[in-house]
């Protein structure tokens, strides 16, 4: 499981879907508590099917909120 400081949310630039580690991804069979960086490389957005490269952090490293 990821450290709390690594549990930031990511949003896809395609459809606006947000991956929230506190919720996981039921459709993709990802349990709660899995940080975005821990997702398998083949994981896809449950809404638009975009890959991990389509997501941007809402907080933490690489985000505009720092």
C-alpha atoms as a PDB file:
ATOM      1  CA  UNK A   1       0.000   0.000   0.000  1.00  0.00           C
ATOM      2  CA  UNK A   2       1.196   3.524  -0.772  1.00  0.00           C
ATOM      3  CA  UNK A   3       2.333   6.012   1.841  1.00  0.00           C
ATOM      4  CA  UNK A   4      -0.288   8.684   2.691  1.00  0.00           C
ATOM      5  CA  UNK A   5       1.743  11.402   0.944  1.00  0.00           C
ATOM      6  CA  UNK A   6       1.594   9.319  -2.266  1.00  0.00           C
ATOM      7  CA  UNK A   7      -2.179   8.885  -2.172  1.00  0.00           C
ATOM      8  CA  UNK A   8      -3.053  11.863  -4.354  1.00  0.00           C
ATOM      9  CA  UNK A   9      -5.775  11.727  -6.992  1.00  0.00           C
ATOM     10  CA  UNK A  10      -5.188  11.761 -10.753  1.00  0.00           C
ATOM     11  CA  UNK A  11      -7.535  12.977 -13.467  1.00  0.00           C
ATOM     12  CA  UNK A  12      -7.542  11.936 -17.100  1.00  0.00           C
ATOM     13  CA  UNK A  13      -7.165  14.622 -19.738  1.00  0.00           C
ATOM     14  CA  UNK A  14      -9.532  12.676 -22.042  1.00  0.00           C
ATOM     15  CA  UNK A  15     -12.791  12.435 -20.101  1.00  0.00           C
ATOM     16  CA  UNK A  16     -12.150  14.047 -16.708  1.00  0.00           C
ATOM     17  CA  UNK A  17     -12.421  10.783 -14.769  1.00  0.00           C
ATOM     18  CA  UNK A  18     -10.607  10.950 -11.430  1.00  0.00           C
ATOM     19  CA  UNK A  19      -8.731   7.980  -9.996  1.00  0.00           C
ATOM     20  CA  UNK A  20      -9.105   8.173  -6.224  1.00  0.00           C
ATOM     21  CA  UNK A  21      -6.923   5.749  -4.242  1.00  0.00           C
ATOM     22  CA  UNK A  22      -9.372   5.966  -1.343  1.00  0.00           C
ATOM     23  CA  UNK A  23     -11.999   4.371  -3.615  1.00  0.00           C
ATOM     24  CA  UNK A  24      -9.934   2.214  -5.976  1.00  0.00           C
ATOM     25  CA  UNK A  25     -11.530   1.066  -9.234  1.00  0.00           C
ATOM     26  CA  UNK A  26     -14.249  -1.526  -8.824  1.00  0.00           C
ATOM     27  CA  UNK A  27     -14.652  -2.005 -12.591  1.00  0.00           C
ATOM     28  CA  UNK A  28     -10.905  -2.552 -13.009  1.00  0.00           C
ATOM     29  CA  UNK A  29     -10.776  -4.744  -9.880  1.00  0.00           C
ATOM     30  CA  UNK A  30      -8.397  -2.359  -8.079  1.00  0.00           C
ATOM     31  CA  UNK A  31      -8.991  -2.383  -4.299  1.00  0.00           C
ATOM     32  CA  UNK A  32      -9.086   0.713  -2.102  1.00  0.00           C
ATOM     33  CA  UNK A  33      -5.713   1.966  -0.904  1.00  0.00           C
ATOM     34  CA  UNK A  34      -3.772   1.425  -4.147  1.00  0.00           C
ATOM     35  CA  UNK A  35      -1.876   4.576  -5.142  1.00  0.00           C
ATOM     36  CA  UNK A  36      -1.855   5.641  -8.797  1.00  0.00           C
ATOM     37  CA  UNK A  37       1.839   4.743  -9.161  1.00  0.00           C
ATOM     38  CA  UNK A  38       1.067   1.236  -7.910  1.00  0.00           C
ATOM     39  CA  UNK A  39      -1.501   0.549 -10.647  1.00  0.00           C
ATOM     40  CA  UNK A  40      -0.365  -1.975 -13.259  1.00  0.00           C
ATOM     41  CA  UNK A  41       0.951  -0.407 -16.479  1.00  0.00           C
ATOM     42  CA  UNK A  42      -1.879  -2.047 -18.425  1.00  0.00           C
ATOM     43  CA  UNK A  43      -4.578  -0.425 -16.235  1.00  0.00           C
ATOM     44  CA  UNK A  44      -7.058   1.709 -18.229  1.00  0.00           C
ATOM     45  CA  UNK A  45      -9.537   4.447 -17.325  1.00  0.00           C
ATOM     46  CA  UNK A  46     -12.876   2.792 -16.517  1.00  0.00           C
ATOM     47  CA  UNK A  47     -14.731   5.538 -18.432  1.00  0.00           C
ATOM     48  CA  UNK A  48     -12.790   6.263 -21.648  1.00  0.00           C
ATOM     49  CA  UNK A  49     -10.212   3.452 -21.737  1.00  0.00           C
ATOM     50  CA  UNK A  50      -7.251   5.863 -21.679  1.00  0.00           C
ATOM     51  CA  UNK A  51      -3.969   4.542 -20.318  1.00  0.00           C
ATOM     52  CA  UNK A  52      -2.069   5.819 -17.291  1.00  0.00           C
ATOM     53  CA  UNK A  53      -0.214   8.341 -19.492  1.00  0.00           C
ATOM     54  CA  UNK A  54      -3.531  10.180 -20.012  1.00  0.00           C
ATOM     55  CA  UNK A  55      -3.772  11.018 -16.285  1.00  0.00           C
ATOM     56  CA  UNK A  56      -2.354  14.051 -14.491  1.00  0.00           C
ATOM     57  CA  UNK A  57      -2.007  14.429 -10.699  1.00  0.00           C
ATOM     58  CA  UNK A  58      -4.418  16.748  -8.888  1.00  0.00           C
ATOM     59  CA  UNK A  59      -1.865  17.147  -6.061  1.00  0.00           C
ATOM     60  CA  UNK A  60       1.629  15.968  -5.311  1.00  0.00           C
ATOM     61  CA  UNK A  61       4.555  15.674  -7.740  1.00  0.00           C
ATOM     62  CA  UNK A  62       3.815  16.957 -11.228  1.00  0.00           C
ATOM     63  CA  UNK A  63       0.605  18.777 -10.347  1.00  0.00           C
ATOM     64  CA  UNK A  64      -0.132  22.471 -10.515  1.00  0.00           C
ATOM     65  CA  UNK A  65      -1.086  22.449  -6.809  1.00  0.00           C
ATOM     66  CA  UNK A  66       2.321  21.087  -5.726  1.00  0.00           C
END
